[in-house]
Every structure is written in structure tokens, then in C-alpha cells.
Amino acid sequence: MLPLAFALAWFLARAKVPGKILIEAIVYLPLVVPPVVTGWMLLLAFAPSGPLGALSNHVLFKWTGAAIAAGVMALPLMVRAMRLSIEAVDRRLEGAARTLGAGRWRVFRTITLPLSLPGVLAGTVLGFARSLGEFGATITFVSNVPGQTRTLPLAIYAALQRPDGDAIALRLAALSVLIALAALIASELLARRMRAGMIHGV
């Protein structure tokens, strides 16, 4: 999902084509519609009679479907953070490098990507945190199948349906909080390290 998110962020930040606003609206749509709607649209798309029906046996009620649902819900947050980071890159630095003979790929690899890396990292962490908490789209798209599509939120939900499930739900909730905190702290430490490296390299 990361390469797709970065490609979309790059397109939205740099491309000048007709209809870009419609593509932008479609990318950000999962942020504003209920997750159940997103899950239902995925179900229609991957149904045997849907446009992606050829993949239905590999997606419906399987872990791959749960991964797709989580990825679709996380994508807008990833794209947003990465896009802002790409837009913040000083285009004059890229232009100066081009005038000195650097090709497009070298400019991207040595200037654009390093300067936008904190945003890429932030977007990745936001996407991870969002996918970790995804519930509505997943249960609508691929249901709650133990051993296949049961994610952490679905396991918490299933535990809460049992009379004796409070203790299990509490442990799972604590685990989800710990994972999210660890990811956010690691992201912040890496971002600080990168910023310090960029300052020392100047």
C-alpha cells in the first residue's frame, strides 16, 4: 500500500491534469463516508459478478480481504501526510539540481525523497494506526471469520459478545494501545533522527 500511497501523493502534489480534483475526492472518500459503506462498495467490487469478481475466491472471507479493507481505509491518511510533505519540498532546490545536470531520477532520489521522508514516515504510521483500528469496512466486506479475517478490533468485538469476555477484551485493548504507542514513539524517534541528520548534512 505504501508505494500506491506515495504515487497518489506525488500525483496530487505535482500533476496538472484536468479532472484531478475528482481523483482527489475519490482518494479521500473513505475518510468521510461511513466505513460500512466502504466495506459494502468493496463487497460489490469483489463479488463474483462485480468488476473484480475474478479475484473473489482469493479475497472474500480471507485474510487478503481483511488486508484490502484495512489498506483502503488507511490510504487517505497516508496520501494526505505524504502529499503535504511533497508539497513542502522547495522546488528551487530541485530546479538548481536540474540546471547542474542532474536527471529527474537523481533529483528525486537525492533531494525530493529525503526531504519528504518525514512525511512519508508519518503517513505510514498514520496508516498503520488506522488499519490497526479498522472495524466497519472489514466486518462488512469479509465478515468475522476466526483464523482468517478476525482482526484485533473484531476479536475485541467478539469477546464483548461473550458473558465472560471482558477480561479477554481488556487484554486485547491493552495490546492494541501498546502497539499503537510503540509505533508512534518509534516514528517520532526516527523523524527526529532524520531531521538531525539533515541539519548536520547541510
C-alpha atoms as a PDB file:
ATOM      1  CA  MET A   1       0.000   0.000   0.000  1.00  0.00           C
ATOM      2  CA  LEU A   2       2.947   2.330   0.667  1.00  0.00           C
ATOM      3  CA  PRO A   3       4.084   2.581  -2.994  1.00  0.00           C
ATOM      4  CA  LEU A   4       0.500   3.260  -4.117  1.00  0.00           C
ATOM      5  CA  ALA A   5       0.031   5.908  -1.427  1.00  0.00           C
ATOM      6  CA  PHE A   6       3.260   7.661  -2.382  1.00  0.00           C
ATOM      7  CA  ALA A   7       2.420   7.533  -6.097  1.00  0.00           C
ATOM      8  CA  LEU A   8      -1.006   9.062  -5.448  1.00  0.00           C
ATOM      9  CA  ALA A   9       0.510  11.697  -3.148  1.00  0.00           C
ATOM     10  CA  TRP A  10       3.064  12.586  -5.820  1.00  0.00           C
ATOM     11  CA  PHE A  11       0.357  12.814  -8.478  1.00  0.00           C
ATOM     12  CA  LEU A  12      -1.881  15.039  -6.341  1.00  0.00           C
ATOM     13  CA  ALA A  13       1.040  17.266  -5.331  1.00  0.00           C
ATOM     14  CA  ARG A  14       2.710  17.688  -8.703  1.00  0.00           C
ATOM     15  CA  ALA A  15       0.414  16.718 -11.586  1.00  0.00           C
ATOM     16  CA  LYS A  16      -1.525  19.349 -13.513  1.00  0.00           C
ATOM     17  CA  VAL A  17      -4.205  17.461 -15.393  1.00  0.00           C
ATOM     18  CA  PRO A  18      -7.924  18.003 -15.953  1.00  0.00           C
ATOM     19  CA  GLY A  19     -10.117  16.134 -13.504  1.00  0.00           C
ATOM     20  CA  LYS A  20      -7.505  15.918 -10.762  1.00  0.00           C
ATOM     21  CA  ILE A  21      -9.994  17.252  -8.238  1.00  0.00           C
ATOM     22  CA  LEU A  22     -12.267  14.257  -8.931  1.00  0.00           C
ATOM     23  CA  ILE A  23      -9.396  11.812  -8.382  1.00  0.00           C
ATOM     24  CA  GLU A  24      -8.549  13.648  -5.159  1.00  0.00           C
ATOM     25  CA  ALA A  25     -12.151  13.356  -3.972  1.00  0.00           C
ATOM     26  CA  ILE A  26     -12.208   9.617  -4.708  1.00  0.00           C
ATOM     27  CA  VAL A  27      -8.924   9.074  -2.831  1.00  0.00           C
ATOM     28  CA  TYR A  28     -10.203  10.905   0.250  1.00  0.00           C
ATOM     29  CA  LEU A  29     -13.727   9.441   0.078  1.00  0.00           C
ATOM     30  CA  PRO A  30     -13.145   6.722   2.733  1.00  0.00           C
ATOM     31  CA  LEU A  31     -12.412   9.487   5.238  1.00  0.00           C
ATOM     32  CA  VAL A  32     -15.892  10.975   5.022  1.00  0.00           C
ATOM     33  CA  VAL A  33     -18.260   8.094   4.253  1.00  0.00           C
ATOM     34  CA  PRO A  34     -19.162   5.538   6.937  1.00  0.00           C
ATOM     35  CA  PRO A  35     -16.716   2.596   6.951  1.00  0.00           C
ATOM     36  CA  VAL A  36     -19.664   0.266   6.385  1.00  0.00           C
ATOM     37  CA  VAL A  37     -20.260   1.990   3.036  1.00  0.00           C
ATOM     38  CA  THR A  38     -16.638   1.466   2.048  1.00  0.00           C
ATOM     39  CA  GLY A  39     -16.885  -2.201   3.001  1.00  0.00           C
ATOM     40  CA  TRP A  40     -20.098  -2.608   1.039  1.00  0.00           C
ATOM     41  CA  MET A  41     -18.526  -0.993  -2.044  1.00  0.00           C
ATOM     42  CA  LEU A  42     -15.573  -3.379  -1.754  1.00  0.00           C
ATOM     43  CA  LEU A  43     -18.019  -6.275  -1.455  1.00  0.00           C
ATOM     44  CA  LEU A  44     -19.785  -5.178  -4.640  1.00  0.00           C
ATOM     45  CA  ALA A  45     -16.471  -4.763  -6.448  1.00  0.00           C
ATOM     46  CA  PHE A  46     -15.118  -8.186  -5.463  1.00  0.00           C
ATOM     47  CA  ALA A  47     -18.417 -10.088  -5.695  1.00  0.00           C
ATOM     48  CA  PRO A  48     -18.414 -12.870  -8.336  1.00  0.00           C
ATOM     49  CA  SER A  49     -20.485 -10.640 -10.640  1.00  0.00           C
ATOM     50  CA  GLY A  50     -18.519  -7.477  -9.826  1.00  0.00           C
ATOM     51  CA  PRO A  51     -15.733  -5.805 -11.836  1.00  0.00           C
ATOM     52  CA  LEU A  52     -13.084  -7.595  -9.738  1.00  0.00           C
ATOM     53  CA  GLY A  53     -15.073 -10.819  -9.430  1.00  0.00           C
ATOM     54  CA  ALA A  54     -12.225 -12.905 -10.852  1.00  0.00           C
ATOM     55  CA  LEU A  55     -10.435 -12.371  -7.534  1.00  0.00           C
ATOM     56  CA  SER A  56     -13.410 -13.182  -5.327  1.00  0.00           C
ATOM     57  CA  ASN A  57     -12.164 -16.674  -4.376  1.00  0.00           C
ATOM     58  CA  HIS A  58      -8.866 -15.158  -3.219  1.00  0.00           C
ATOM     59  CA  VAL A  59     -10.389 -12.255  -1.278  1.00  0.00           C
ATOM     60  CA  LEU A  60     -13.842 -12.893   0.171  1.00  0.00           C
ATOM     61  CA  PHE A  61     -13.783 -14.263   3.731  1.00  0.00           C
ATOM     62  CA  LYS A  62      -9.978 -14.493   3.634  1.00  0.00           C
ATOM     63  CA  TRP A  63      -7.143 -12.568   5.297  1.00  0.00           C
ATOM     64  CA  THR A  64      -6.328 -10.923   1.976  1.00  0.00           C
ATOM     65  CA  GLY A  65      -9.758  -9.279   2.012  1.00  0.00           C
ATOM     66  CA  ALA A  66      -9.193  -8.000   5.532  1.00  0.00           C
ATOM     67  CA  ALA A  67      -5.851  -6.555   4.403  1.00  0.00           C
ATOM     68  CA  ILE A  68      -7.511  -4.835   1.440  1.00  0.00           C
ATOM     69  CA  ALA A  69     -10.211  -3.309   3.657  1.00  0.00           C
ATOM     70  CA  ALA A  70      -7.630  -2.033   6.138  1.00  0.00           C
ATOM     71  CA  GLY A  71      -5.464  -0.678   3.337  1.00  0.00           C
ATOM     72  CA  VAL A  72      -8.318   1.160   1.647  1.00  0.00           C
ATOM     73  CA  MET A  73      -9.309   2.794   4.940  1.00  0.00           C
ATOM     74  CA  ALA A  74      -5.706   3.768   5.706  1.00  0.00           C
ATOM     75  CA  LEU A  75      -4.869   5.059   2.231  1.00  0.00           C
ATOM     76  CA  PRO A  76      -6.378   8.570   2.517  1.00  0.00           C
ATOM     77  CA  LEU A  77      -4.432   9.373   5.696  1.00  0.00           C
ATOM     78  CA  MET A  78      -1.206   8.121   4.157  1.00  0.00           C
ATOM     79  CA  VAL A  79      -1.742  10.090   0.959  1.00  0.00           C
ATOM     80  CA  ARG A  80      -2.621  13.276   2.852  1.00  0.00           C
ATOM     81  CA  ALA A  81       0.513  13.252   5.012  1.00  0.00           C
ATOM     82  CA  MET A  82       2.790  12.357   2.107  1.00  0.00           C
ATOM     83  CA  ARG A  83       1.229  14.931  -0.185  1.00  0.00           C
ATOM     84  CA  LEU A  84       1.771  17.742   2.306  1.00  0.00           C
ATOM     85  CA  SER A  85       5.380  16.654   2.722  1.00  0.00           C
ATOM     86  CA  ILE A  86       5.999  16.576  -1.025  1.00  0.00           C
ATOM     87  CA  GLU A  87       4.378  19.999  -1.465  1.00  0.00           C
ATOM     88  CA  ALA A  88       6.673  21.388   1.247  1.00  0.00           C
ATOM     89  CA  VAL A  89       9.810  20.478  -0.726  1.00  0.00           C
ATOM     90  CA  ASP A  90      11.393  23.630  -2.132  1.00  0.00           C
ATOM     91  CA  ARG A  91      11.086  23.325  -5.911  1.00  0.00           C
ATOM     92  CA  ARG A  92      14.011  25.719  -6.310  1.00  0.00           C
ATOM     93  CA  LEU A  93      16.349  23.069  -4.914  1.00  0.00           C
ATOM     94  CA  GLU A  94      15.116  20.612  -7.497  1.00  0.00           C
ATOM     95  CA  GLY A  95      15.480  23.229 -10.236  1.00  0.00           C
ATOM     96  CA  ALA A  96      19.023  24.048  -9.164  1.00  0.00           C
ATOM     97  CA  ALA A  97      19.979  20.387  -9.267  1.00  0.00           C
ATOM     98  CA  ARG A  98      18.497  20.070 -12.765  1.00  0.00           C
ATOM     99  CA  THR A  99      20.481  23.048 -14.013  1.00  0.00           C
ATOM    100  CA  LEU A 100      23.647  21.388 -12.687  1.00  0.00           C
ATOM    101  CA  GLY A 101      22.959  18.358 -14.847  1.00  0.00           C
ATOM    102  CA  ALA A 102      21.118  16.002 -12.519  1.00  0.00           C
ATOM    103  CA  GLY A 103      18.448  13.878 -14.141  1.00  0.00           C
ATOM    104  CA  ARG A 104      14.887  13.525 -12.899  1.00  0.00           C
ATOM    105  CA  TRP A 105      15.574  10.245 -11.074  1.00  0.00           C
ATOM    106  CA  ARG A 106      18.687  11.601  -9.363  1.00  0.00           C
ATOM    107  CA  VAL A 107      16.839  14.744  -8.262  1.00  0.00           C
ATOM    108  CA  PHE A 108      14.057  12.613  -6.862  1.00  0.00           C
ATOM    109  CA  ARG A 109      16.442  10.191  -5.117  1.00  0.00           C
ATOM    110  CA  THR A 110      18.816  12.768  -3.634  1.00  0.00           C
ATOM    111  CA  ILE A 111      16.560  15.769  -2.959  1.00  0.00           C
ATOM    112  CA  THR A 112      12.818  15.180  -3.153  1.00  0.00           C
ATOM    113  CA  LEU A 113      12.620  11.829  -1.396  1.00  0.00           C
ATOM    114  CA  PRO A 114      14.990  12.665   1.518  1.00  0.00           C
ATOM    115  CA  LEU A 115      13.230  15.988   2.172  1.00  0.00           C
ATOM    116  CA  SER A 116       9.777  14.402   2.064  1.00  0.00           C
ATOM    117  CA  LEU A 117      10.792  11.322   4.062  1.00  0.00           C
ATOM    118  CA  PRO A 118       9.444  12.597   7.425  1.00  0.00           C
ATOM    119  CA  GLY A 119       6.014  12.962   5.827  1.00  0.00           C
ATOM    120  CA  VAL A 120       6.281   9.528   4.244  1.00  0.00           C
ATOM    121  CA  LEU A 121       7.128   8.069   7.637  1.00  0.00           C
ATOM    122  CA  ALA A 122       4.303   9.975   9.333  1.00  0.00           C
ATOM    123  CA  GLY A 123       1.861   8.805   6.684  1.00  0.00           C
ATOM    124  CA  THR A 124       2.999   5.212   7.085  1.00  0.00           C
ATOM    125  CA  VAL A 125       2.491   5.339  10.847  1.00  0.00           C
ATOM    126  CA  LEU A 126      -0.905   7.010  10.485  1.00  0.00           C
ATOM    127  CA  GLY A 127      -1.919   4.351   8.003  1.00  0.00           C
ATOM    128  CA  PHE A 128      -0.709   1.578  10.305  1.00  0.00           C
ATOM    129  CA  ALA A 129      -2.601   3.030  13.252  1.00  0.00           C
ATOM    130  CA  ARG A 130      -5.750   3.459  11.165  1.00  0.00           C
ATOM    131  CA  SER A 131      -5.590  -0.077   9.806  1.00  0.00           C
ATOM    132  CA  LEU A 132      -4.972  -1.419  13.303  1.00  0.00           C
ATOM    133  CA  GLY A 133      -8.286   0.049  14.437  1.00  0.00           C
ATOM    134  CA  GLU A 134     -10.305  -0.759  11.306  1.00  0.00           C
ATOM    135  CA  PHE A 135     -13.634  -2.415  12.069  1.00  0.00           C
ATOM    136  CA  GLY A 136     -16.643  -1.363   9.975  1.00  0.00           C
ATOM    137  CA  ALA A 137     -15.292  -1.909   6.461  1.00  0.00           C
ATOM    138  CA  THR A 138     -13.661  -5.212   7.405  1.00  0.00           C
ATOM    139  CA  ILE A 139     -16.697  -6.839   9.015  1.00  0.00           C
ATOM    140  CA  THR A 140     -18.922  -5.688   6.137  1.00  0.00           C
ATOM    141  CA  PHE A 141     -16.530  -6.832   3.410  1.00  0.00           C
ATOM    142  CA  VAL A 142     -15.152 -10.126   4.719  1.00  0.00           C
ATOM    143  CA  SER A 143     -17.130 -10.784   7.903  1.00  0.00           C
ATOM    144  CA  ASN A 144     -15.579 -12.001  11.179  1.00  0.00           C
ATOM    145  CA  VAL A 145     -14.033 -15.386  10.431  1.00  0.00           C
ATOM    146  CA  PRO A 146     -11.730 -16.754  13.162  1.00  0.00           C
ATOM    147  CA  GLY A 147      -8.289 -17.530  11.797  1.00  0.00           C
ATOM    148  CA  GLN A 148      -8.940 -15.672   8.544  1.00  0.00           C
ATOM    149  CA  THR A 149     -10.467 -12.191   8.804  1.00  0.00           C
ATOM    150  CA  ARG A 150     -10.598 -11.675  12.577  1.00  0.00           C
ATOM    151  CA  THR A 151      -8.502  -8.577  13.218  1.00  0.00           C
ATOM    152  CA  LEU A 152      -7.738  -7.102  16.631  1.00  0.00           C
ATOM    153  CA  PRO A 153     -10.873  -4.888  16.717  1.00  0.00           C
ATOM    154  CA  LEU A 154     -13.038  -7.798  15.573  1.00  0.00           C
ATOM    155  CA  ALA A 155     -11.528 -10.009  18.271  1.00  0.00           C
ATOM    156  CA  ILE A 156     -12.361  -7.352  20.870  1.00  0.00           C
ATOM    157  CA  TYR A 157     -15.902  -7.129  19.499  1.00  0.00           C
ATOM    158  CA  ALA A 158     -16.282 -10.919  19.600  1.00  0.00           C
ATOM    159  CA  ALA A 159     -15.003 -11.021  23.191  1.00  0.00           C
ATOM    160  CA  LEU A 160     -17.501  -8.365  24.262  1.00  0.00           C
ATOM    161  CA  GLN A 161     -20.345 -10.525  22.943  1.00  0.00           C
ATOM    162  CA  ARG A 162     -19.462 -13.252  25.444  1.00  0.00           C
ATOM    163  CA  PRO A 163     -20.641 -13.056  29.075  1.00  0.00           C
ATOM    164  CA  ASP A 164     -17.131 -13.902  30.269  1.00  0.00           C
ATOM    165  CA  GLY A 165     -15.275 -11.942  27.595  1.00  0.00           C
ATOM    166  CA  ASP A 166     -14.474  -8.732  29.498  1.00  0.00           C
ATOM    167  CA  ALA A 167     -11.051  -9.932  30.611  1.00  0.00           C
ATOM    168  CA  ILE A 168     -10.112 -11.001  27.068  1.00  0.00           C
ATOM    169  CA  ALA A 169     -11.357  -7.719  25.628  1.00  0.00           C
ATOM    170  CA  LEU A 170      -9.325  -5.787  28.206  1.00  0.00           C
ATOM    171  CA  ARG A 171      -6.135  -7.665  27.325  1.00  0.00           C
ATOM    172  CA  LEU A 172      -6.685  -7.164  23.599  1.00  0.00           C
ATOM    173  CA  ALA A 173      -7.457  -3.463  24.087  1.00  0.00           C
ATOM    174  CA  ALA A 174      -4.280  -3.034  26.147  1.00  0.00           C
ATOM    175  CA  LEU A 175      -2.306  -4.828  23.424  1.00  0.00           C
ATOM    176  CA  SER A 176      -3.696  -2.529  20.734  1.00  0.00           C
ATOM    177  CA  VAL A 177      -2.800   0.551  22.785  1.00  0.00           C
ATOM    178  CA  LEU A 178       0.741  -0.729  23.366  1.00  0.00           C
ATOM    179  CA  ILE A 179       1.272  -1.475  19.675  1.00  0.00           C
ATOM    180  CA  ALA A 180      -0.031   1.953  18.655  1.00  0.00           C
ATOM    181  CA  LEU A 181       2.123   3.738  21.255  1.00  0.00           C
ATOM    182  CA  ALA A 182       5.221   1.802  20.202  1.00  0.00           C
ATOM    183  CA  ALA A 183       4.641   2.689  16.559  1.00  0.00           C
ATOM    184  CA  LEU A 184       4.099   6.384  17.287  1.00  0.00           C
ATOM    185  CA  ILE A 185       7.152   6.628  19.547  1.00  0.00           C
ATOM    186  CA  ALA A 186       9.343   4.811  17.020  1.00  0.00           C
ATOM    187  CA  SER A 187       8.086   7.130  14.283  1.00  0.00           C
ATOM    188  CA  GLU A 188       8.875  10.236  16.304  1.00  0.00           C
ATOM    189  CA  LEU A 189      12.365   8.992  17.182  1.00  0.00           C
ATOM    190  CA  LEU A 190      13.106   8.171  13.552  1.00  0.00           C
ATOM    191  CA  ALA A 191      11.753  11.540  12.390  1.00  0.00           C
ATOM    192  CA  ARG A 192      13.969  13.373  14.895  1.00  0.00           C
ATOM    193  CA  ARG A 193      16.960  11.347  13.798  1.00  0.00           C
ATOM    194  CA  MET A 194      16.320  12.159  10.157  1.00  0.00           C
ATOM    195  CA  ARG A 195      15.857  15.858  10.891  1.00  0.00           C
ATOM    196  CA  ALA A 196      19.106  15.905  12.881  1.00  0.00           C
ATOM    197  CA  GLY A 197      20.922  14.132  10.053  1.00  0.00           C
ATOM    198  CA  MET A 198      19.592  16.623   7.515  1.00  0.00           C
ATOM    199  CA  ILE A 199      20.686  19.565   9.682  1.00  0.00           C
ATOM    200  CA  HIS A 200      24.186  18.124  10.155  1.00  0.00           C
ATOM    201  CA  GLY A 201      24.432  17.370   6.469  1.00  0.00           C
ATOM    202  CA  VAL A 202      23.737  20.967   5.470  1.00  0.00           C
END
